[in-house]
Amino acid sequence: MKINEDYANKKEEFFQSQNAHGNGDVNVIELFSAVWRYKYVILFTTLLLMVVSLVLSSQMDKEYTAQALLAPSDKKSNSDLSALTGQFGGIASMAGLNLGQNQVDKSQLALAILTSNDFLIDFINKYDLKKKLFAVASYDPQTRTLKYDPEYFDESNNTWSDEKFGGREPSNQSAAKALKRGIEHEIIRESGLVSLSLHHRSPEIAASWLKLLVSELNARMKSRDILEAEKSISFLEEQLVKNQITEFRSALYGLIEEQTKVLMFADVKDDYVFEIIDTPLVPERPSSPNRILIVGVVTLFGLFLSIFISITRYYYLKHKDISRSI
């Protein structure tokens, strides 16, 4: 009989304890008590993860980012051509000219060409960049030299690895894809300026490639417009020979004059599409990995995880002790 009374009393104490846990003040105090009880475990776990994140982040490959600010060049020649749209639109369409109708902004077209496979493949092959795209193992900031991974490229024999590439250099398509991943551009809406950046393990390479990209892009757009203007002038001159109508010939002369302006503008303008406002400098610090962010996130994760496990263990053991005593 006494055993039944003791069992009933302990059971009542257990339920009273459970009801007490519903009080917010008691819960907060008990949570703090649980954390304090396992404070050394929490401290050790947090410090351990912080040290691990420091070591791992220091072993990650560093990457540098060069940036340039570009301004679209003068579009006066396009405006002059657009002024002829109403008068000579029909004749221009015969010559394959676009005098303003559905005209694509030249700077936006240039940005599209910048990340096109054709342009990037030509750029990579012209400057022989595949080795620096695929085979770089590390960069020494003291000597400013690159070290190549022997698993990818045998520097002594100047040959590609048989294991990775079968003794042949990477394909043009894979090279263009690798370079494209390192290029970023953004059009600043307020000013219309273009922010262009390039990532690489070497800060010198990042800055030099970015300058070369802008230069080659201007040259590509210039040669493209020169070729179109020369073809248009040739066609228009043929039409002059065939047609003797005064009004028609006057229109043809106007179109030839505008195409000649395109040729003159291309001949005197080096920064044909983009003018560099802020020249890309060699970055002094790596842009990634962000060690402070990595260590901070991992440390906070370790802190919250250890606190959660400690509180869970505290209540599990307490519930287990109470259950045994009933």
Protein backbone atom coordinates (compact mmCIF):
# COMPACT_ATOMS: atom_id res chain seq x y z
CA MET A 1 0.00 0.00 0.00
CA LYS A 2 2.85 2.32 0.90
CA ILE A 3 4.58 1.49 -2.38
CA ASN A 4 1.48 2.59 -4.29
CA GLU A 5 1.38 5.86 -2.34
CA ASP A 6 5.07 6.55 -3.08
CA TYR A 7 4.49 5.82 -6.75
CA ALA A 8 1.50 8.17 -6.83
CA ASN A 9 3.46 10.94 -5.06
CA LYS A 10 6.41 10.70 -7.50
CA LYS A 11 4.02 10.64 -10.42
CA GLU A 12 2.33 13.78 -9.12
CA GLU A 13 5.72 15.45 -8.64
CA PHE A 14 6.66 14.57 -12.22
CA PHE A 15 3.50 16.12 -13.67
CA GLN A 16 3.96 19.21 -11.50
CA SER A 17 7.50 19.51 -12.83
CA GLN A 18 6.20 19.18 -16.38
CA ASN A 19 3.59 21.88 -15.74
CA ALA A 20 6.28 24.13 -14.30
CA HIS A 21 8.17 23.89 -17.54
CA GLY A 22 5.32 25.70 -19.22
CA ASN A 23 6.30 28.87 -17.36
CA GLY A 24 8.51 31.03 -19.59
CA ASP A 25 10.80 32.26 -16.76
CA VAL A 26 11.51 28.74 -15.58
CA ASN A 27 12.24 27.60 -19.15
CA VAL A 28 14.70 30.42 -19.77
CA ILE A 29 16.49 29.75 -16.50
CA GLU A 30 16.57 26.03 -17.20
CA LEU A 31 17.87 26.59 -20.72
CA PHE A 32 20.62 28.79 -19.35
CA SER A 33 21.38 26.14 -16.77
CA ALA A 34 21.67 23.50 -19.47
CA VAL A 35 24.00 25.67 -21.52
CA TRP A 36 26.12 26.49 -18.47
CA ARG A 37 26.34 22.84 -17.52
CA TYR A 38 27.90 21.99 -20.88
CA LYS A 39 29.79 25.27 -21.33
CA TYR A 40 33.16 23.60 -21.81
CA VAL A 41 31.78 21.23 -24.43
CA ILE A 42 30.20 24.16 -26.27
CA LEU A 43 33.41 26.20 -26.06
CA PHE A 44 35.58 23.31 -27.24
CA THR A 45 33.28 22.45 -30.17
CA THR A 46 33.04 26.07 -31.30
CA LEU A 47 36.80 26.66 -31.11
CA LEU A 48 37.47 23.36 -32.87
CA LEU A 49 35.24 24.23 -35.83
CA MET A 50 36.71 27.74 -35.96
CA VAL A 51 40.25 26.34 -36.19
CA VAL A 52 39.19 23.79 -38.81
CA SER A 53 37.55 26.51 -40.92
CA LEU A 54 40.68 28.67 -40.64
CA VAL A 55 42.90 25.82 -41.81
CA LEU A 56 40.59 24.80 -44.66
CA SER A 57 40.05 28.37 -45.90
CA SER A 58 43.82 28.96 -45.90
CA GLN A 59 44.24 25.89 -48.12
CA MET A 60 41.65 27.04 -50.68
CA ASP A 61 42.85 28.37 -54.02
CA LYS A 62 43.00 32.16 -54.06
CA GLU A 63 41.38 34.06 -56.88
CA TYR A 64 41.91 37.68 -57.88
CA THR A 65 39.46 39.99 -59.64
CA ALA A 66 40.44 42.86 -61.94
CA GLN A 67 37.79 45.48 -62.71
CA ALA A 68 37.34 48.13 -65.38
CA LEU A 69 34.76 50.86 -65.89
CA LEU A 70 33.78 51.45 -69.51
CA ALA A 71 31.83 54.19 -71.24
CA PRO A 72 30.05 53.59 -74.57
CA SER A 73 31.68 55.64 -77.32
CA ASP A 74 29.95 58.48 -79.20
CA LYS A 75 26.97 57.31 -81.25
CA LYS A 76 26.70 60.42 -83.40
CA SER A 77 27.18 58.47 -86.62
CA ASN A 78 24.23 56.27 -85.72
CA SER A 79 22.11 59.35 -85.10
CA ASP A 80 23.05 60.78 -88.49
CA LEU A 81 22.04 57.57 -90.20
CA SER A 82 18.78 57.46 -88.29
CA ALA A 83 17.92 60.93 -89.61
CA LEU A 84 17.81 59.50 -93.14
CA THR A 85 15.32 56.78 -92.23
CA GLY A 86 12.16 58.46 -93.49
CA GLN A 87 13.64 59.72 -96.74
CA PHE A 88 15.87 56.86 -97.84
CA GLY A 89 14.51 53.87 -95.92
CA GLY A 90 13.42 51.96 -99.01
CA ILE A 91 16.69 52.41 -100.86
CA ALA A 92 18.66 51.57 -97.71
CA SER A 93 16.81 48.30 -97.28
CA MET A 94 17.79 47.37 -100.83
CA ALA A 95 21.44 47.93 -99.87
CA GLY A 96 21.07 45.92 -96.69
CA LEU A 97 21.44 48.99 -94.47
CA ASN A 98 19.68 49.68 -91.20
CA LEU A 99 19.04 53.39 -90.73
CA GLY A 100 17.33 53.17 -87.36
CA GLN A 101 14.50 50.69 -87.62
CA ASN A 102 14.84 48.08 -84.87
CA GLN A 103 18.47 49.11 -84.47
CA VAL A 104 20.36 47.21 -81.77
CA ASP A 105 22.37 49.32 -79.35
CA LYS A 106 26.02 48.92 -80.33
CA SER A 107 27.27 48.60 -76.74
CA GLN A 108 24.76 45.85 -75.95
CA LEU A 109 25.72 44.05 -79.13
CA ALA A 110 29.38 44.32 -78.14
CA LEU A 111 28.67 42.80 -74.71
CA ALA A 112 26.87 39.91 -76.39
CA ILE A 113 29.86 39.37 -78.69
CA LEU A 114 32.21 39.56 -75.67
CA THR A 115 30.79 36.33 -74.24
CA SER A 116 30.22 34.60 -77.57
CA ASN A 117 32.11 31.40 -78.32
CA ASP A 118 33.49 32.74 -81.62
CA PHE A 119 35.06 35.80 -80.02
CA LEU A 120 36.43 33.94 -76.98
CA ILE A 121 37.90 31.11 -79.06
CA ASP A 122 39.68 33.60 -81.33
CA PHE A 123 40.94 35.48 -78.27
CA ILE A 124 42.22 32.32 -76.55
CA ASN A 125 43.98 30.99 -79.62
CA LYS A 126 45.51 34.36 -80.54
CA TYR A 127 47.22 34.74 -77.14
CA ASP A 128 47.66 30.98 -76.40
CA LEU A 129 45.76 31.04 -73.11
CA LYS A 130 44.70 27.40 -72.64
CA LYS A 131 47.63 26.53 -70.40
CA LYS A 132 46.80 29.43 -68.06
CA LEU A 133 43.14 28.52 -68.08
CA PHE A 134 43.38 24.81 -67.25
CA ALA A 135 46.79 23.90 -65.82
CA VAL A 136 47.54 26.52 -63.15
CA ALA A 137 48.18 24.89 -59.78
CA SER A 138 49.16 27.93 -57.73
CA TYR A 139 50.42 31.51 -57.84
CA ASP A 140 53.46 32.77 -55.94
CA PRO A 141 52.88 36.43 -54.95
CA GLN A 142 56.55 36.88 -54.02
CA THR A 143 57.97 35.95 -57.42
CA ARG A 144 54.72 36.70 -59.30
CA THR A 145 54.98 33.42 -61.15
CA LEU A 146 52.57 30.60 -61.90
CA LYS A 147 53.12 26.96 -61.03
CA TYR A 148 51.50 24.44 -63.35
CA ASP A 149 49.94 21.17 -62.23
CA PRO A 150 51.93 18.25 -63.72
CA GLU A 151 48.74 16.18 -63.80
CA TYR A 152 47.42 18.59 -66.42
CA PHE A 153 50.49 20.00 -68.15
CA ASP A 154 54.12 18.86 -68.42
CA GLU A 155 55.99 22.16 -68.40
CA SER A 156 59.38 20.59 -69.12
CA ASN A 157 58.16 19.03 -72.38
CA ASN A 158 55.47 21.65 -73.03
CA THR A 159 52.86 18.90 -73.52
CA TRP A 160 49.45 18.16 -72.07
CA SER A 161 48.96 15.26 -69.69
CA ASP A 162 47.98 11.89 -71.15
CA GLU A 163 45.93 11.11 -68.06
CA LYS A 164 43.71 14.22 -68.15
CA PHE A 165 43.64 15.23 -71.81
CA GLY A 166 45.02 12.22 -73.66
CA GLY A 167 48.12 14.17 -74.65
CA ARG A 168 46.05 16.74 -76.54
CA GLU A 169 45.20 20.27 -75.55
CA PRO A 170 41.66 21.03 -74.31
CA SER A 171 39.06 21.77 -76.96
CA ASN A 172 38.23 25.30 -78.04
CA GLN A 173 34.70 24.94 -76.73
CA SER A 174 35.81 23.92 -73.22
CA ALA A 175 38.38 26.74 -73.21
CA ALA A 176 35.76 29.32 -74.17
CA LYS A 177 33.45 27.98 -71.46
CA ALA A 178 36.23 28.23 -68.85
CA LEU A 179 37.07 31.82 -69.78
CA LYS A 180 33.41 32.81 -69.92
CA ARG A 181 32.98 31.70 -66.29
CA GLY A 182 35.59 34.25 -65.27
CA ILE A 183 34.01 37.22 -67.06
CA GLU A 184 31.30 39.36 -65.49
CA HIS A 185 29.70 42.56 -66.73
CA GLU A 186 27.00 44.89 -65.45
CA ILE A 187 25.34 47.92 -67.03
CA ILE A 188 24.92 50.74 -64.51
CA ARG A 189 21.42 52.04 -65.23
CA GLU A 190 21.86 55.52 -63.78
CA SER A 191 24.87 56.42 -65.93
CA GLY A 192 24.84 53.84 -68.73
CA LEU A 193 28.43 52.92 -67.89
CA VAL A 194 29.55 49.29 -68.00
CA SER A 195 31.39 47.54 -65.17
CA LEU A 196 33.54 44.69 -66.49
CA SER A 197 35.51 42.25 -64.34
CA LEU A 198 37.66 39.15 -64.82
CA HIS A 199 38.73 36.47 -62.31
CA HIS A 200 41.99 34.51 -62.30
CA ARG A 201 44.46 32.98 -59.84
CA SER A 202 47.09 35.48 -60.98
CA PRO A 203 46.35 39.18 -60.35
CA GLU A 204 48.67 40.19 -63.21
CA ILE A 205 46.88 37.91 -65.65
CA ALA A 206 43.46 39.11 -64.51
CA ALA A 207 44.40 42.75 -65.21
CA SER A 208 46.24 42.10 -68.50
CA TRP A 209 43.53 39.83 -69.93
CA LEU A 210 40.85 42.37 -69.08
CA LYS A 211 42.73 45.12 -70.97
CA LEU A 212 43.23 42.78 -73.92
CA LEU A 213 39.55 41.80 -73.96
CA VAL A 214 38.43 45.43 -74.21
CA SER A 215 41.01 46.14 -76.92
CA GLU A 216 40.09 43.06 -78.96
CA LEU A 217 36.38 43.76 -78.56
CA ASN A 218 36.81 47.29 -79.92
CA ALA A 219 38.89 45.94 -82.80
CA ARG A 220 36.29 43.25 -83.58
CA MET A 221 33.41 45.73 -83.64
CA LYS A 222 35.46 48.19 -85.73
CA SER A 223 36.37 45.59 -88.37
CA ARG A 224 32.76 44.40 -88.41
CA ASP A 225 31.41 47.89 -89.13
CA ILE A 226 34.15 48.64 -91.67
CA LEU A 227 33.32 45.47 -93.59
CA GLU A 228 29.59 46.27 -93.60
CA ALA A 229 30.23 49.88 -94.68
CA GLU A 230 32.55 48.83 -97.51
CA LYS A 231 30.02 46.30 -98.81
CA SER A 232 27.26 48.89 -98.62
CA ILE A 233 29.31 51.51 -100.48
CA SER A 234 30.18 48.98 -103.18
CA PHE A 235 26.50 48.12 -103.65
CA LEU A 236 25.42 51.77 -103.68
CA GLU A 237 28.06 52.67 -106.28
CA GLU A 238 26.75 49.88 -108.51
CA GLN A 239 23.26 51.35 -108.18
CA LEU A 240 24.57 54.78 -109.21
CA VAL A 241 25.81 53.32 -112.48
CA LYS A 242 22.50 51.59 -113.16
CA ASN A 243 20.17 54.47 -112.30
CA GLN A 244 20.09 57.91 -113.94
CA ILE A 245 17.06 59.31 -112.10
CA THR A 246 18.18 62.48 -110.34
CA GLU A 247 16.15 61.99 -107.14
CA PHE A 248 17.24 58.40 -106.83
CA ARG A 249 20.91 59.27 -107.40
CA SER A 250 20.70 62.02 -104.79
CA ALA A 251 19.46 59.50 -102.25
CA LEU A 252 22.27 57.11 -103.14
CA TYR A 253 24.87 59.84 -102.70
CA GLY A 254 23.43 60.60 -99.26
CA LEU A 255 23.73 56.96 -98.23
CA ILE A 256 27.28 56.69 -99.54
CA GLU A 257 28.21 59.81 -97.58
CA GLU A 258 26.91 58.31 -94.34
CA GLN A 259 28.73 55.03 -94.92
CA THR A 260 31.91 56.98 -95.63
CA LYS A 261 31.47 58.70 -92.27
CA VAL A 262 31.36 55.26 -90.65
CA LEU A 263 34.69 54.38 -92.29
CA MET A 264 36.25 57.69 -91.19
CA PHE A 265 35.01 57.28 -87.61
CA ALA A 266 36.36 53.72 -87.44
CA ASP A 267 39.72 54.83 -88.84
CA VAL A 268 40.36 57.55 -86.24
CA LYS A 269 38.73 55.97 -83.18
CA ASP A 270 40.66 53.27 -81.30
CA ASP A 271 38.10 53.01 -78.48
CA TYR A 272 35.47 52.25 -81.07
CA VAL A 273 32.69 50.90 -78.85
CA PHE A 274 33.98 51.24 -75.29
CA GLU A 275 36.29 53.83 -73.79
CA ILE A 276 38.08 52.80 -70.59
CA ILE A 277 37.21 55.27 -67.84
CA ASP A 278 38.83 53.33 -64.99
CA THR A 279 41.82 51.27 -66.16
CA PRO A 280 42.00 47.75 -64.68
CA LEU A 281 44.73 47.64 -62.03
CA VAL A 282 46.53 44.60 -60.67
CA PRO A 283 44.49 43.60 -57.58
CA GLU A 284 46.49 43.55 -54.35
CA ARG A 285 44.19 41.23 -52.41
CA PRO A 286 42.36 38.06 -53.45
CA SER A 287 38.63 38.36 -54.00
CA SER A 288 38.03 34.78 -52.88
CA PRO A 289 37.84 32.83 -50.72
CA ASN A 290 36.35 35.23 -48.17
CA ARG A 291 38.08 33.82 -45.10
CA ILE A 292 36.30 36.12 -42.64
CA LEU A 293 32.89 35.05 -43.95
CA ILE A 294 33.80 31.34 -44.01
CA VAL A 295 35.23 31.37 -40.46
CA GLY A 296 32.33 33.45 -39.15
CA VAL A 297 29.63 31.21 -40.63
CA VAL A 298 31.31 27.97 -39.54
CA THR A 299 31.97 29.32 -36.03
CA LEU A 300 28.36 30.44 -35.57
CA PHE A 301 27.15 27.11 -36.94
CA GLY A 302 29.37 25.27 -34.42
CA LEU A 303 28.12 27.47 -31.57
CA PHE A 304 24.42 26.95 -32.31
CA LEU A 305 24.86 23.25 -33.05
CA SER A 306 26.72 22.61 -29.79
CA ILE A 307 24.11 24.59 -27.81
CA PHE A 308 21.28 22.65 -29.44
CA ILE A 309 22.93 19.30 -28.73
CA SER A 310 23.70 20.31 -25.15
CA ILE A 311 20.11 21.38 -24.42
CA THR A 312 18.73 18.26 -26.10
CA ARG A 313 21.03 16.04 -24.03
CA TYR A 314 20.18 17.93 -20.84
CA TYR A 315 16.42 17.39 -21.23
CA TYR A 316 16.88 13.81 -22.41
CA LEU A 317 18.87 12.86 -19.30
CA LYS A 318 16.48 14.75 -17.02
CA HIS A 319 13.44 13.05 -18.51
CA LYS A 320 15.22 9.70 -18.25
CA ASP A 321 16.05 10.24 -14.55
CA ILE A 322 12.51 11.25 -13.72
CA SER A 323 11.08 8.26 -15.59
CA ARG A 324 13.31 5.89 -13.64
CA SER A 325 12.32 7.40 -10.32
CA ILE A 326 8.60 6.90 -10.99
